[in-house]
PDB file of N, CA and C in Angstrom:
ATOM      1  N   MET A   1      68.117  88.319  84.791  1.00  0.00           N
ATOM      2  CA  MET A   1      67.688  87.402  85.892  1.00  0.00           C
ATOM      3  C   MET A   1      67.581  85.862  84.979  1.00  0.00           C
ATOM      4  N   ASP A   2      67.321  85.748  84.028  1.00  0.00           N
ATOM      5  CA  ASP A   2      67.058  84.297  83.215  1.00  0.00           C
ATOM      6  C   ASP A   2      68.339  83.755  82.957  1.00  0.00           C
ATOM      7  N   PHE A   3      69.700  85.005  83.082  1.00  0.00           N
ATOM      8  CA  PHE A   3      70.878  83.919  83.164  1.00  0.00           C
ATOM      9  C   PHE A   3      71.164  83.149  84.551  1.00  0.00           C
ATOM     10  N   LEU A   4      70.954  83.705  85.643  1.00  0.00           N
ATOM     11  CA  LEU A   4      71.129  83.515  86.593  1.00  0.00           C
ATOM     12  C   LEU A   4      70.219  81.966  87.218  1.00  0.00           C
ATOM     13  N   LYS A   5      69.116  81.457  86.513  1.00  0.00           N
ATOM     14  CA  LYS A   5      68.323  80.801  86.311  1.00  0.00           C
ATOM     15  C   LYS A   5      68.887  79.809  86.012  1.00  0.00           C
ATOM     16  N   VAL A   6      69.456  80.093  85.066  1.00  0.00           N
ATOM     17  CA  VAL A   6      69.947  78.836  84.132  1.00  0.00           C
ATOM     18  C   VAL A   6      71.416  78.296  85.064  1.00  0.00           C
ATOM     19  N   LEU A   7      72.320  78.909  85.329  1.00  0.00           N
ATOM     20  CA  LEU A   7      73.410  79.561  85.864  1.00  0.00           C
ATOM     21  C   LEU A   7      73.204  78.190  87.790  1.00  0.00           C
ATOM     22  N   ALA A   8      71.662  78.466  88.417  1.00  0.00           N
ATOM     23  CA  ALA A   8      71.538  78.120  89.441  1.00  0.00           C
ATOM     24  C   ALA A   8      71.770  76.405  89.291  1.00  0.00           C
ATOM     25  N   PRO A   9      71.462  75.364  89.232  1.00  0.00           N
ATOM     26  CA  PRO A   9      71.574  74.126  89.201  1.00  0.00           C
ATOM     27  C   PRO A   9      73.076  73.710  88.785  1.00  0.00           C
ATOM     28  N   ASN A  10      73.799  74.520  88.977  1.00  0.00           N
ATOM     29  CA  ASN A  10      75.112  74.057  88.376  1.00  0.00           C
ATOM     30  C   ASN A  10      76.755  75.132  89.365  1.00  0.00           C
ATOM     31  N   ILE A  11      75.600  75.963  89.904  1.00  0.00           N
ATOM     32  CA  ILE A  11      76.698  76.725  90.681  1.00  0.00           C
ATOM     33  C   ILE A  11      77.587  76.036  91.718  1.00  0.00           C
ATOM     34  N   HIS A  12      76.717  75.204  92.183  1.00  0.00           N
ATOM     35  CA  HIS A  12      77.835  74.385  93.490  1.00  0.00           C
ATOM     36  C   HIS A  12      78.839  74.188  93.094  1.00  0.00           C
ATOM     37  N   TRP A  13      78.620  74.063  90.913  1.00  0.00           N
ATOM     38  CA  TRP A  13      80.712  73.673  90.786  1.00  0.00           C
ATOM     39  C   TRP A  13      81.534  74.517  91.362  1.00  0.00           C
ATOM     40  N   ALA A  14      81.063  75.924  91.189  1.00  0.00           N
ATOM     41  CA  ALA A  14      82.059  77.025  91.926  1.00  0.00           C
ATOM     42  C   ALA A  14      82.749  76.916  93.186  1.00  0.00           C
ATOM     43  N   LEU A  15      81.425  76.767  93.600  1.00  0.00           N
ATOM     44  CA  LEU A  15      81.925  76.063  95.515  1.00  0.00           C
ATOM     45  C   LEU A  15      83.003  75.133  95.427  1.00  0.00           C
ATOM     46  N   ARG A  16      82.501  73.779  94.833  1.00  0.00           N
ATOM     47  CA  ARG A  16      83.145  72.809  95.446  1.00  0.00           C
ATOM     48  C   ARG A  16      84.464  73.003  94.565  1.00  0.00           C
ATOM     49  N   LEU A  17      84.773  72.696  93.820  1.00  0.00           N
ATOM     50  CA  LEU A  17      85.915  72.990  93.028  1.00  0.00           C
ATOM     51  C   LEU A  17      87.153  73.935  93.608  1.00  0.00           C
ATOM     52  N   SER A  18      86.486  74.892  93.841  1.00  0.00           N
ATOM     53  CA  SER A  18      87.110  76.057  94.883  1.00  0.00           C
ATOM     54  C   SER A  18      87.994  75.476  95.996  1.00  0.00           C
ATOM     55  N   LEU A  19      86.836  74.986  96.743  1.00  0.00           N
ATOM     56  CA  LEU A  19      87.147  74.752  98.384  1.00  0.00           C
ATOM     57  C   LEU A  19      88.272  73.333  97.702  1.00  0.00           C
ATOM     58  N   ALA A  20      87.441  72.363  96.590  1.00  0.00           N
ATOM     59  CA  ALA A  20      88.282  70.964  96.728  1.00  0.00           C
ATOM     60  C   ALA A  20      89.596  71.550  96.353  1.00  0.00           C
ATOM     61  N   ALA A  21      89.998  72.417  95.075  1.00  0.00           N
ATOM     62  CA  ALA A  21      91.495  72.815  94.832  1.00  0.00           C
ATOM     63  C   ALA A  21      92.054  73.722  96.191  1.00  0.00           C
ATOM     64  N   THR A  22      91.567  74.649  96.646  1.00  0.00           N
ATOM     65  CA  THR A  22      92.114  74.868  97.871  1.00  0.00           C
ATOM     66  C   THR A  22      92.938  74.226  99.156  1.00  0.00           C
ATOM     67  N   PHE A  23      91.646  72.551  99.166  1.00  0.00           N
ATOM     68  CA  PHE A  23      92.199  71.894 100.199  1.00  0.00           C
ATOM     69  C   PHE A  23      92.926  70.675  99.731  1.00  0.00           C
ATOM     70  N   VAL A  24      93.261  70.494  98.708  1.00  0.00           N
ATOM     71  CA  VAL A  24      94.168  69.266  97.704  1.00  0.00           C
ATOM     72  C   VAL A  24      95.268  70.203  97.754  1.00  0.00           C
ATOM     73  N   TYR A  25      95.536  71.580  97.502  1.00  0.00           N
ATOM     74  CA  TYR A  25      96.891  72.469  97.295  1.00  0.00           C
ATOM     75  C   TYR A  25      97.344  72.907  98.237  1.00  0.00           C
ATOM     76  N   HIS A  26      96.827  72.798  99.781  1.00  0.00           N
ATOM     77  CA  HIS A  26      97.204  72.929 100.967  1.00  0.00           C
ATOM     78  C   HIS A  26      97.932  71.782 101.431  1.00  0.00           C
ATOM     79  N   GLY A  27      97.150  70.611 101.460  1.00  0.00           N
ATOM     80  CA  GLY A  27      97.487  68.931 101.786  1.00  0.00           C
ATOM     81  C   GLY A  27      98.917  68.870 100.954  1.00  0.00           C
ATOM     82  N   VAL A  28      98.892  68.960  99.477  1.00  0.00           N
ATOM     83  CA  VAL A  28     100.348  68.577  98.681  1.00  0.00           C
ATOM     84  C   VAL A  28     100.795  69.193  99.603  1.00  0.00           C
ATOM     85  N   GLY A  29     100.719  70.601  99.545  1.00  0.00           N
ATOM     86  CA  GLY A  29     102.192  71.396  99.815  1.00  0.00           C
ATOM     87  C   GLY A  29     102.938  71.226 101.492  1.00  0.00           C
ATOM     88  N   LYS A  30     101.957  70.304 102.189  1.00  0.00           N
ATOM     89  CA  LYS A  30     102.686  70.263 103.285  1.00  0.00           C
ATOM     90  C   LYS A  30     103.594  69.388 103.502  1.00  0.00           C
ATOM     91  N   PHE A  31     103.693  68.166 101.473  1.00  0.00           N
ATOM     92  CA  PHE A  31     104.871  67.396 101.769  1.00  0.00           C
ATOM     93  C   PHE A  31     105.723  67.947 101.563  1.00  0.00           C
ATOM     94  N   PRO A  32     107.015  67.372 101.388  1.00  0.00           N
ATOM     95  CA  PRO A  32     107.555  66.070 102.103  1.00  0.00           C
ATOM     96  C   PRO A  32     107.262  66.670 103.743  1.00  0.00           C
ATOM     97  N   ILE A  33     106.899  65.905 104.707  1.00  0.00           N
ATOM     98  CA  ILE A  33     106.647  65.969 106.220  1.00  0.00           C
ATOM     99  C   ILE A  33     107.951  65.289 106.740  1.00  0.00           C
ATOM    100  N   GLU A  34     108.457  66.157 107.104  1.00  0.00           N
ATOM    101  CA  GLU A  34     110.245  65.813 107.900  1.00  0.00           C
ATOM    102  C   GLU A  34     110.168  65.774 109.615  1.00  0.00           C
ATOM    103  N   GLY A  35     108.936  66.289 110.082  1.00  0.00           N
ATOM    104  CA  GLY A  35     109.004  66.538 111.261  1.00  0.00           C
ATOM    105  C   GLY A  35     108.008  67.421 111.330  1.00  0.00           C
ATOM    106  N   PRO A  36     108.006  67.793 113.350  1.00  0.00           N
ATOM    107  CA  PRO A  36     106.709  69.296 113.699  1.00  0.00           C
ATOM    108  C   PRO A  36     106.785  69.966 112.555  1.00  0.00           C
ATOM    109  N   ALA A  37     105.324  70.539 112.472  1.00  0.00           N
ATOM    110  CA  ALA A  37     105.088  72.274 112.032  1.00  0.00           C
ATOM    111  C   ALA A  37     103.911  72.468 112.338  1.00  0.00           C
ATOM    112  N   MET A  38     104.269  74.129 112.340  1.00  0.00           N
ATOM    113  CA  MET A  38     103.088  74.879 112.600  1.00  0.00           C
ATOM    114  C   MET A  38     102.912  74.780 114.018  1.00  0.00           C
ATOM    115  N   GLY A  39     103.954  74.036 114.657  1.00  0.00           N
ATOM    116  CA  GLY A  39     103.748  73.831 116.400  1.00  0.00           C
ATOM    117  C   GLY A  39     103.049  72.902 116.758  1.00  0.00           C
ATOM    118  N   LEU A  40     103.018  71.892 115.538  1.00  0.00           N
ATOM    119  CA  LEU A  40     101.911  70.920 115.671  1.00  0.00           C
ATOM    120  C   LEU A  40     102.691  69.439 115.710  1.00  0.00           C
ATOM    121  N   PRO A  41     102.899  68.119 116.455  1.00  0.00           N
ATOM    122  CA  PRO A  41     103.245  67.307 116.029  1.00  0.00           C
ATOM    123  C   PRO A  41     103.212  66.570 114.484  1.00  0.00           C
ATOM    124  N   THR A  42     104.159  65.619 114.223  1.00  0.00           N
ATOM    125  CA  THR A  42     104.297  65.190 113.302  1.00  0.00           C
ATOM    126  C   THR A  42     103.260  64.194 113.055  1.00  0.00           C
ATOM    127  N   ALA A  43     102.924  63.621 113.670  1.00  0.00           N
ATOM    128  CA  ALA A  43     101.426  62.602 113.566  1.00  0.00           C
ATOM    129  C   ALA A  43     100.197  63.881 112.761  1.00  0.00           C
ATOM    130  N   VAL A  44     100.051  64.149 113.679  1.00  0.00           N
ATOM    131  CA  VAL A  44      98.898  65.676 113.922  1.00  0.00           C
ATOM    132  C   VAL A  44      99.028  66.301 112.155  1.00  0.00           C
ATOM    133  N   VAL A  45     100.627  66.581 111.701  1.00  0.00           N
ATOM    134  CA  VAL A  45     100.365  67.136 110.241  1.00  0.00           C
ATOM    135  C   VAL A  45      99.980  66.124 109.305  1.00  0.00           C
ATOM    136  N   TRP A  46     100.576  65.283 109.388  1.00  0.00           N
ATOM    137  CA  TRP A  46      99.989  64.236 108.716  1.00  0.00           C
ATOM    138  C   TRP A  46      98.888  63.900 108.368  1.00  0.00           C
ATOM    139  N   ALA A  47      98.425  63.797 109.657  1.00  0.00           N
ATOM    140  CA  ALA A  47      96.345  63.713 109.661  1.00  0.00           C
ATOM    141  C   ALA A  47      95.897  64.912 108.821  1.00  0.00           C
ATOM    142  N   VAL A  48      96.530  65.947 109.481  1.00  0.00           N
ATOM    143  CA  VAL A  48      95.909  67.306 108.911  1.00  0.00           C
ATOM    144  C   VAL A  48      96.235  66.785 107.020  1.00  0.00           C
ATOM    145  N   ALA A  49      97.536  66.631 106.586  1.00  0.00           N
ATOM    146  CA  ALA A  49      97.484  66.839 105.068  1.00  0.00           C
ATOM    147  C   ALA A  49      96.651  66.021 104.110  1.00  0.00           C
ATOM    148  N   LEU A  50      96.640  64.240 105.018  1.00  0.00           N
ATOM    149  CA  LEU A  50      96.048  63.371 104.161  1.00  0.00           C
ATOM    150  C   LEU A  50      94.817  64.281 104.271  1.00  0.00           C
ATOM    151  N   GLY A  51      93.994  64.591 105.524  1.00  0.00           N
ATOM    152  CA  GLY A  51      92.672  65.423 105.845  1.00  0.00           C
ATOM    153  C   GLY A  51      92.611  65.871 104.429  1.00  0.00           C
ATOM    154  N   GLU A  52      92.738  66.906 104.327  1.00  0.00           N
ATOM    155  CA  GLU A  52      93.193  68.285 103.841  1.00  0.00           C
ATOM    156  C   GLU A  52      92.955  67.141 102.030  1.00  0.00           C
ATOM    157  N   ILE A  53      93.759  66.083 102.097  1.00  0.00           N
ATOM    158  CA  ILE A  53      93.695  66.316 100.185  1.00  0.00           C
ATOM    159  C   ILE A  53      92.654  65.319 100.465  1.00  0.00           C
ATOM    160  N   ALA A  54      92.056  64.145 101.190  1.00  0.00           N
ATOM    161  CA  ALA A  54      90.767  63.507 100.976  1.00  0.00           C
ATOM    162  C   ALA A  54      89.617  64.696 100.829  1.00  0.00           C
ATOM    163  N   ALA A  55      89.693  65.192 101.699  1.00  0.00           N
ATOM    164  CA  ALA A  55      88.683  66.392 101.589  1.00  0.00           C
ATOM    165  C   ALA A  55      88.155  66.931 100.360  1.00  0.00           C
ATOM    166  N   GLY A  56      89.063  67.601  99.650  1.00  0.00           N
ATOM    167  CA  GLY A  56      88.907  67.862  98.295  1.00  0.00           C
ATOM    168  C   GLY A  56      88.990  67.151  97.153  1.00  0.00           C
ATOM    169  N   LEU A  57      89.335  65.634  97.198  1.00  0.00           N
ATOM    170  CA  LEU A  57      88.815  64.713  96.253  1.00  0.00           C
ATOM    171  C   LEU A  57      87.704  64.346  96.461  1.00  0.00           C
ATOM    172  N   MET A  58      87.140  63.803  97.822  1.00  0.00           N
ATOM    173  CA  MET A  58      85.404  63.366  98.244  1.00  0.00           C
ATOM    174  C   MET A  58      84.707  64.524  97.968  1.00  0.00           C
ATOM    175  N   LEU A  59      85.534  65.944  97.854  1.00  0.00           N
ATOM    176  CA  LEU A  59      84.049  66.642  97.074  1.00  0.00           C
ATOM    177  C   LEU A  59      84.351  66.948  96.212  1.00  0.00           C
ATOM    178  N   ILE A  60      85.012  66.260  95.365  1.00  0.00           N
ATOM    179  CA  ILE A  60      84.859  66.212  93.555  1.00  0.00           C
ATOM    180  C   ILE A  60      84.218  64.921  92.940  1.00  0.00           C
ATOM    181  N   ALA A  61      84.735  63.752  93.546  1.00  0.00           N
ATOM    182  CA  ALA A  61      83.749  62.693  93.624  1.00  0.00           C
ATOM    183  C   ALA A  61      82.484  62.582  94.792  1.00  0.00           C
ATOM    184  N   GLY A  62      82.063  62.858  95.289  1.00  0.00           N
ATOM    185  CA  GLY A  62      80.589  63.356  95.660  1.00  0.00           C
ATOM    186  C   GLY A  62      79.726  63.463  94.790  1.00  0.00           C
ATOM    187  N   ALA A  63      80.510  64.438  94.089  1.00  0.00           N
ATOM    188  CA  ALA A  63      79.484  65.370  93.203  1.00  0.00           C
ATOM    189  C   ALA A  63      78.787  63.923  91.881  1.00  0.00           C
ATOM    190  N   PHE A  64      79.692  63.197  91.598  1.00  0.00           N
ATOM    191  CA  PHE A  64      78.922  61.734  90.759  1.00  0.00           C
ATOM    192  C   PHE A  64      78.195  60.662  91.408  1.00  0.00           C
ATOM    193  N   GLY A  65      77.598  61.349  92.620  1.00  0.00           N
ATOM    194  CA  GLY A  65      76.686  59.673  92.771  1.00  0.00           C
ATOM    195  C   GLY A  65      76.754  59.636  94.810  1.00  0.00           C
ATOM    196  N   LYS A  66      78.026  59.503  95.473  1.00  0.00           N
ATOM    197  CA  LYS A  66      77.967  59.707  96.863  1.00  0.00           C
ATOM    198  C   LYS A  66      77.760  60.620  96.801  1.00  0.00           C
ATOM    199  N   GLU A  67      76.465  60.989  97.834  1.00  0.00           N
ATOM    200  CA  GLU A  67      76.527  61.991  98.659  1.00  0.00           C
ATOM    201  C   GLU A  67      76.959  62.123  99.770  1.00  0.00           C
ATOM    202  N   MET A  68      76.702  60.696 100.722  1.00  0.00           N
ATOM    203  CA  MET A  68      77.822  60.577 101.522  1.00  0.00           C
ATOM    204  C   MET A  68      79.375  61.193 101.655  1.00  0.00           C
ATOM    205  N   LEU A  69      80.160  61.551 100.492  1.00  0.00           N
ATOM    206  CA  LEU A  69      81.144  61.687 100.206  1.00  0.00           C
ATOM    207  C   LEU A  69      81.190  63.236 100.691  1.00  0.00           C
ATOM    208  N   THR A  70      80.085  63.817  99.538  1.00  0.00           N
ATOM    209  CA  THR A  70      80.163  65.009  99.960  1.00  0.00           C
ATOM    210  C   THR A  70      79.792  65.539 100.984  1.00  0.00           C
ATOM    211  N   ARG A  71      79.032  64.768 102.161  1.00  0.00           N
ATOM    212  CA  ARG A  71      78.945  65.503 103.261  1.00  0.00           C
ATOM    213  C   ARG A  71      80.124  65.372 104.262  1.00  0.00           C
ATOM    214  N   LEU A  72      80.956  63.894 104.168  1.00  0.00           N
ATOM    215  CA  LEU A  72      81.576  63.934 105.087  1.00  0.00           C
ATOM    216  C   LEU A  72      83.185  64.946 104.832  1.00  0.00           C
ATOM    217  N   ALA A  73      83.108  65.000 103.323  1.00  0.00           N
ATOM    218  CA  ALA A  73      83.990  66.261 102.797  1.00  0.00           C
ATOM    219  C   ALA A  73      83.846  67.425 103.601  1.00  0.00           C
ATOM    220  N   GLY A  74      82.529  67.914 103.938  1.00  0.00           N
ATOM    221  CA  GLY A  74      81.918  69.113 104.524  1.00  0.00           C
ATOM    222  C   GLY A  74      82.246  69.386 105.746  1.00  0.00           C
ATOM    223  N   LEU A  75      82.200  67.773 107.030  1.00  0.00           N
ATOM    224  CA  LEU A  75      82.774  68.061 107.981  1.00  0.00           C
ATOM    225  C   LEU A  75      84.151  68.063 108.009  1.00  0.00           C
ATOM    226  N   ILE A  76      84.727  67.619 107.339  1.00  0.00           N
ATOM    227  CA  ILE A  76      86.444  67.323 107.383  1.00  0.00           C
ATOM    228  C   ILE A  76      87.014  68.673 107.227  1.00  0.00           C
ATOM    229  N   VAL A  77      86.077  69.072 106.752  1.00  0.00           N
ATOM    230  CA  VAL A  77      87.001  70.857 106.630  1.00  0.00           C
ATOM    231  C   VAL A  77      86.394  71.465 107.729  1.00  0.00           C
ATOM    232  N   VAL A  78      85.781  71.427 108.140  1.00  0.00           N
ATOM    233  CA  VAL A  78      85.038  71.842 109.459  1.00  0.00           C
ATOM    234  C   VAL A  78      85.564  72.076 110.152  1.00  0.00           C
ATOM    235  N   VAL A  79      86.323  70.184 110.365  1.00  0.00           N
ATOM    236  CA  VAL A  79      86.638  70.146 111.887  1.00  0.00           C
ATOM    237  C   VAL A  79      88.319  70.657 111.811  1.00  0.00           C
ATOM    238  N   ILE A  80      88.905  70.676 109.778  1.00  0.00           N
ATOM    239  CA  ILE A  80      90.009  70.773 110.023  1.00  0.00           C
ATOM    240  C   ILE A  80      90.522  72.663 110.070  1.00  0.00           C
ATOM    241  N   MET A  81      89.492  73.237 109.557  1.00  0.00           N
ATOM    242  CA  MET A  81      89.712  74.657 110.076  1.00  0.00           C
ATOM    243  C   MET A  81      89.106  75.563 111.011  1.00  0.00           C
ATOM    244  N   ILE A  82      88.663  74.459 111.889  1.00  0.00           N
ATOM    245  CA  ILE A  82      88.143  75.383 113.512  1.00  0.00           C
ATOM    246  C   ILE A  82      89.889  74.661 113.942  1.00  0.00           C
ATOM    247  N   GLY A  83      90.523  73.561 113.807  1.00  0.00           N
ATOM    248  CA  GLY A  83      91.894  73.289 114.402  1.00  0.00           C
ATOM    249  C   GLY A  83      92.413  74.972 114.104  1.00  0.00           C
ATOM    250  N   ALA A  84      92.581  74.834 112.327  1.00  0.00           N
ATOM    251  CA  ALA A  84      93.667  75.916 112.586  1.00  0.00           C
ATOM    252  C   ALA A  84      92.794  77.656 112.976  1.00  0.00           C
ATOM    253  N   ILE A  85      91.960  77.783 113.633  1.00  0.00           N
ATOM    254  CA  ILE A  85      91.640  78.975 113.959  1.00  0.00           C
ATOM    255  C   ILE A  85      92.056  78.537 115.217  1.00  0.00           C
ATOM    256  N   VAL A  86      91.573  77.941 115.838  1.00  0.00           N
ATOM    257  CA  VAL A  86      92.139  77.379 117.488  1.00  0.00           C
ATOM    258  C   VAL A  86      93.632  77.229 117.401  1.00  0.00           C
ATOM    259  N   LEU A  87      94.207  77.055 116.711  1.00  0.00           N
ATOM    260  CA  LEU A  87      95.913  76.999 116.894  1.00  0.00           C
ATOM    261  C   LEU A  87      96.655  77.574 115.924  1.00  0.00           C
ATOM    262  N   VAL A  88      96.118  78.931 114.985  1.00  0.00           N
ATOM    263  CA  VAL A  88      97.099  79.498 114.853  1.00  0.00           C
ATOM    264  C   VAL A  88      96.761  81.267 114.717  1.00  0.00           C
ATOM    265  N   HIS A  89      95.297  80.815 113.608  1.00  0.00           N
ATOM    266  CA  HIS A  89      94.630  82.013 112.982  1.00  0.00           C
ATOM    267  C   HIS A  89      93.968  82.970 114.243  1.00  0.00           C
ATOM    268  N   ALA A  90      93.421  82.602 115.273  1.00  0.00           N
ATOM    269  CA  ALA A  90      92.436  83.143 116.166  1.00  0.00           C
ATOM    270  C   ALA A  90      93.478  84.461 117.144  1.00  0.00           C
ATOM    271  N   LYS A  91      94.360  84.054 117.877  1.00  0.00           N
ATOM    272  CA  LYS A  91      94.855  85.005 117.808  1.00  0.00           C
ATOM    273  C   LYS A  91      95.869  86.039 116.870  1.00  0.00           C
ATOM    274  N   ASN A  92      95.333  86.388 115.766  1.00  0.00           N
ATOM    275  CA  ASN A  92      95.693  87.181 114.372  1.00  0.00           C
ATOM    276  C   ASN A  92      94.343  88.186 114.595  1.00  0.00           C
ATOM    277  N   GLY A  93      93.721  87.822 115.049  1.00  0.00           N
ATOM    278  CA  GLY A  93      92.463  88.419 114.829  1.00  0.00           C
ATOM    279  C   GLY A  93      91.668  88.462 113.731  1.00  0.00           C
ATOM    280  N   PHE A  94      90.886  89.119 113.101  1.00  0.00           N
ATOM    281  CA  PHE A  94      89.427  88.779 111.899  1.00  0.00           C
ATOM    282  C   PHE A  94      90.800  88.630 110.477  1.00  0.00           C
ATOM    283  N   ASN A  95      91.350  89.947 110.564  1.00  0.00           N
ATOM    284  CA  ASN A  95      91.911  90.233 109.177  1.00  0.00           C
ATOM    285  C   ASN A  95      93.404  89.131 108.612  1.00  0.00           C
ATOM    286  N   VAL A  96      92.766  88.334 107.578  1.00  0.00           N
ATOM    287  CA  VAL A  96      93.324  87.594 106.710  1.00  0.00           C
ATOM    288  C   VAL A  96      94.667  88.544 106.548  1.00  0.00           C
ATOM    289  N   GLY A  97      94.855  89.431 106.270  1.00  0.00           N
ATOM    290  CA  GLY A  97      96.075  89.963 105.506  1.00  0.00           C
ATOM    291  C   GLY A  97      97.199  90.028 106.893  1.00  0.00           C
ATOM    292  N   HIS A  98      96.498  89.995 108.201  1.00  0.00           N
ATOM    293  CA  HIS A  98      97.564  89.731 109.001  1.00  0.00           C
ATOM    294  C   HIS A  98      97.681  88.705 109.763  1.00  0.00           C
ATOM    295  N   GLY A  99      97.416  87.402 108.802  1.00  0.00           N
ATOM    296  CA  GLY A  99      97.069  86.057 109.308  1.00  0.00           C
ATOM    297  C   GLY A  99      95.761  85.592 110.014  1.00  0.00           C
ATOM    298  N   GLY A 100      95.034  86.390 110.212  1.00  0.00           N
ATOM    299  CA  GLY A 100      93.356  86.124 110.923  1.00  0.00           C
ATOM    300  C   GLY A 100      92.835  85.218 110.206  1.00  0.00           C
ATOM    301  N   MET A 101      91.848  85.293 110.808  1.00  0.00           N
ATOM    302  CA  MET A 101      90.648  83.885 110.632  1.00  0.00           C
ATOM    303  C   MET A 101      89.601  83.812 109.577  1.00  0.00           C
ATOM    304  N   GLU A 102      89.852  85.177 109.212  1.00  0.00           N
ATOM    305  CA  GLU A 102      88.213  85.401 108.029  1.00  0.00           C
ATOM    306  C   GLU A 102      88.420  84.933 107.033  1.00  0.00           C
ATOM    307  N   PHE A 103      89.755  84.115 105.982  1.00  0.00           N
ATOM    308  CA  PHE A 103      89.425  83.078 105.354  1.00  0.00           C
ATOM    309  C   PHE A 103      89.406  81.750 105.630  1.00  0.00           C
ATOM    310  N   GLN A 104      89.403  81.892 106.620  1.00  0.00           N
ATOM    311  CA  GLN A 104      89.078  79.545 107.745  1.00  0.00           C
ATOM    312  C   GLN A 104      87.214  79.690 108.103  1.00  0.00           C
ATOM    313  N   LEU A 105      87.047  81.029 108.264  1.00  0.00           N
ATOM    314  CA  LEU A 105      85.325  80.860 108.541  1.00  0.00           C
ATOM    315  C   LEU A 105      84.890  80.958 107.390  1.00  0.00           C
ATOM    316  N   LEU A 106      85.311  81.465 106.289  1.00  0.00           N
ATOM    317  CA  LEU A 106      84.477  81.299 105.122  1.00  0.00           C
ATOM    318  C   LEU A 106      84.280  79.522 104.545  1.00  0.00           C
ATOM    319  N   MET A 107      85.663  78.972 104.646  1.00  0.00           N
ATOM    320  CA  MET A 107      85.765  77.474 104.343  1.00  0.00           C
ATOM    321  C   MET A 107      84.649  76.845 105.594  1.00  0.00           C
ATOM    322  N   ILE A 108      84.083  76.800 106.542  1.00  0.00           N
ATOM    323  CA  ILE A 108      83.398  76.498 107.592  1.00  0.00           C
ATOM    324  C   ILE A 108      82.345  76.471 107.230  1.00  0.00           C
ATOM    325  N   ALA A 109      81.793  78.168 106.495  1.00  0.00           N
ATOM    326  CA  ALA A 109      80.449  78.084 106.058  1.00  0.00           C
ATOM    327  C   ALA A 109      80.309  77.279 105.119  1.00  0.00           C
ATOM    328  N   VAL A 110      81.235  77.336 103.907  1.00  0.00           N
ATOM    329  CA  VAL A 110      80.941  76.349 102.525  1.00  0.00           C
ATOM    330  C   VAL A 110      81.390  74.465 103.452  1.00  0.00           C
ATOM    331  N   GLY A 111      82.019  74.515 103.902  1.00  0.00           N
ATOM    332  CA  GLY A 111      82.031  73.490 104.612  1.00  0.00           C
ATOM    333  C   GLY A 111      80.814  72.873 104.935  1.00  0.00           C
ATOM    334  N   LEU A 112      80.387  73.441 105.785  1.00  0.00           N
ATOM    335  CA  LEU A 112      79.109  73.099 106.724  1.00  0.00           C
ATOM    336  C   LEU A 112      77.749  73.270 105.854  1.00  0.00           C
ATOM    337  N   TYR A 113      77.436  73.571 104.419  1.00  0.00           N
ATOM    338  CA  TYR A 113      77.395  73.620 103.269  1.00  0.00           C
ATOM    339  C   TYR A 113      76.788  72.577 103.004  1.00  0.00           C
ATOM    340  N   PHE A 114      77.897  72.159 102.348  1.00  0.00           N
ATOM    341  CA  PHE A 114      78.473  70.628 102.260  1.00  0.00           C
ATOM    342  C   PHE A 114      77.670  69.704 103.080  1.00  0.00           C
ATOM    343  N   ALA A 115      78.074  69.755 104.270  1.00  0.00           N
ATOM    344  CA  ALA A 115      77.890  68.660 105.074  1.00  0.00           C
ATOM    345  C   ALA A 115      76.420  69.205 105.468  1.00  0.00           C
ATOM    346  N   SER A 116      75.627  69.611 105.206  1.00  0.00           N
ATOM    347  CA  SER A 116      74.032  69.879 105.343  1.00  0.00           C
ATOM    348  C   SER A 116      73.365  69.178 104.089  1.00  0.00           C
ATOM    349  N   LYS A 117      73.671  69.566 103.191  1.00  0.00           N
ATOM    350  CA  LYS A 117      72.856  69.471 101.898  1.00  0.00           C
ATOM    351  C   LYS A 117      73.460  68.586 101.282  1.00  0.00           C
ATOM    352  N   GLY A 118      74.588  68.112 101.517  1.00  0.00           N
ATOM    353  CA  GLY A 118      75.147  67.303 100.230  1.00  0.00           C
ATOM    354  C   GLY A 118      74.955  67.652  99.179  1.00  0.00           C
ATOM    355  N   ASN A 119      74.103  66.642  98.468  1.00  0.00           N
ATOM    356  CA  ASN A 119      74.237  66.801  96.562  1.00  0.00           C
ATOM    357  C   ASN A 119      72.782  67.434  96.300  1.00  0.00           C
ATOM    358  N   ASP A 120      72.328  67.524  97.527  1.00  0.00           N
ATOM    359  CA  ASP A 120      70.799  68.303  96.794  1.00  0.00           C
ATOM    360  C   ASP A 120      71.439  69.950  97.359  1.00  0.00           C
ATOM    361  N   VAL A 121      71.853  70.321  95.966  1.00  0.00           N
ATOM    362  CA  VAL A 121      72.451  71.636  96.053  1.00  0.00           C
ATOM    363  C   VAL A 121      71.719  72.797  95.222  1.00  0.00           C
TER     364      VAL A 121
END
């Protein structure tokens, strides 16, 4: 159990880096944006892509001092994932293997964690 006590002050990096990498990866993957996608207008696709990239980068930058960046990134994650569930995943149920919302719910929980805790992790 001593190992877990030593790990505890830095374990936020596992959540922070995995969520940041996922968001940056999916944001960058939407480019080039040439028109509507996923049933969304082009302007919304741009907003989602830029929001994903910004949230990922803010999660990393926020760890180095600006707590507001961490909190704002968490909120952006929550908003984007709620949109993803409502517009795409809810109709497919829970199972991620069938396009469901399982993964998005996990990202909402992690986003809420960072939004509420900031850098006090």
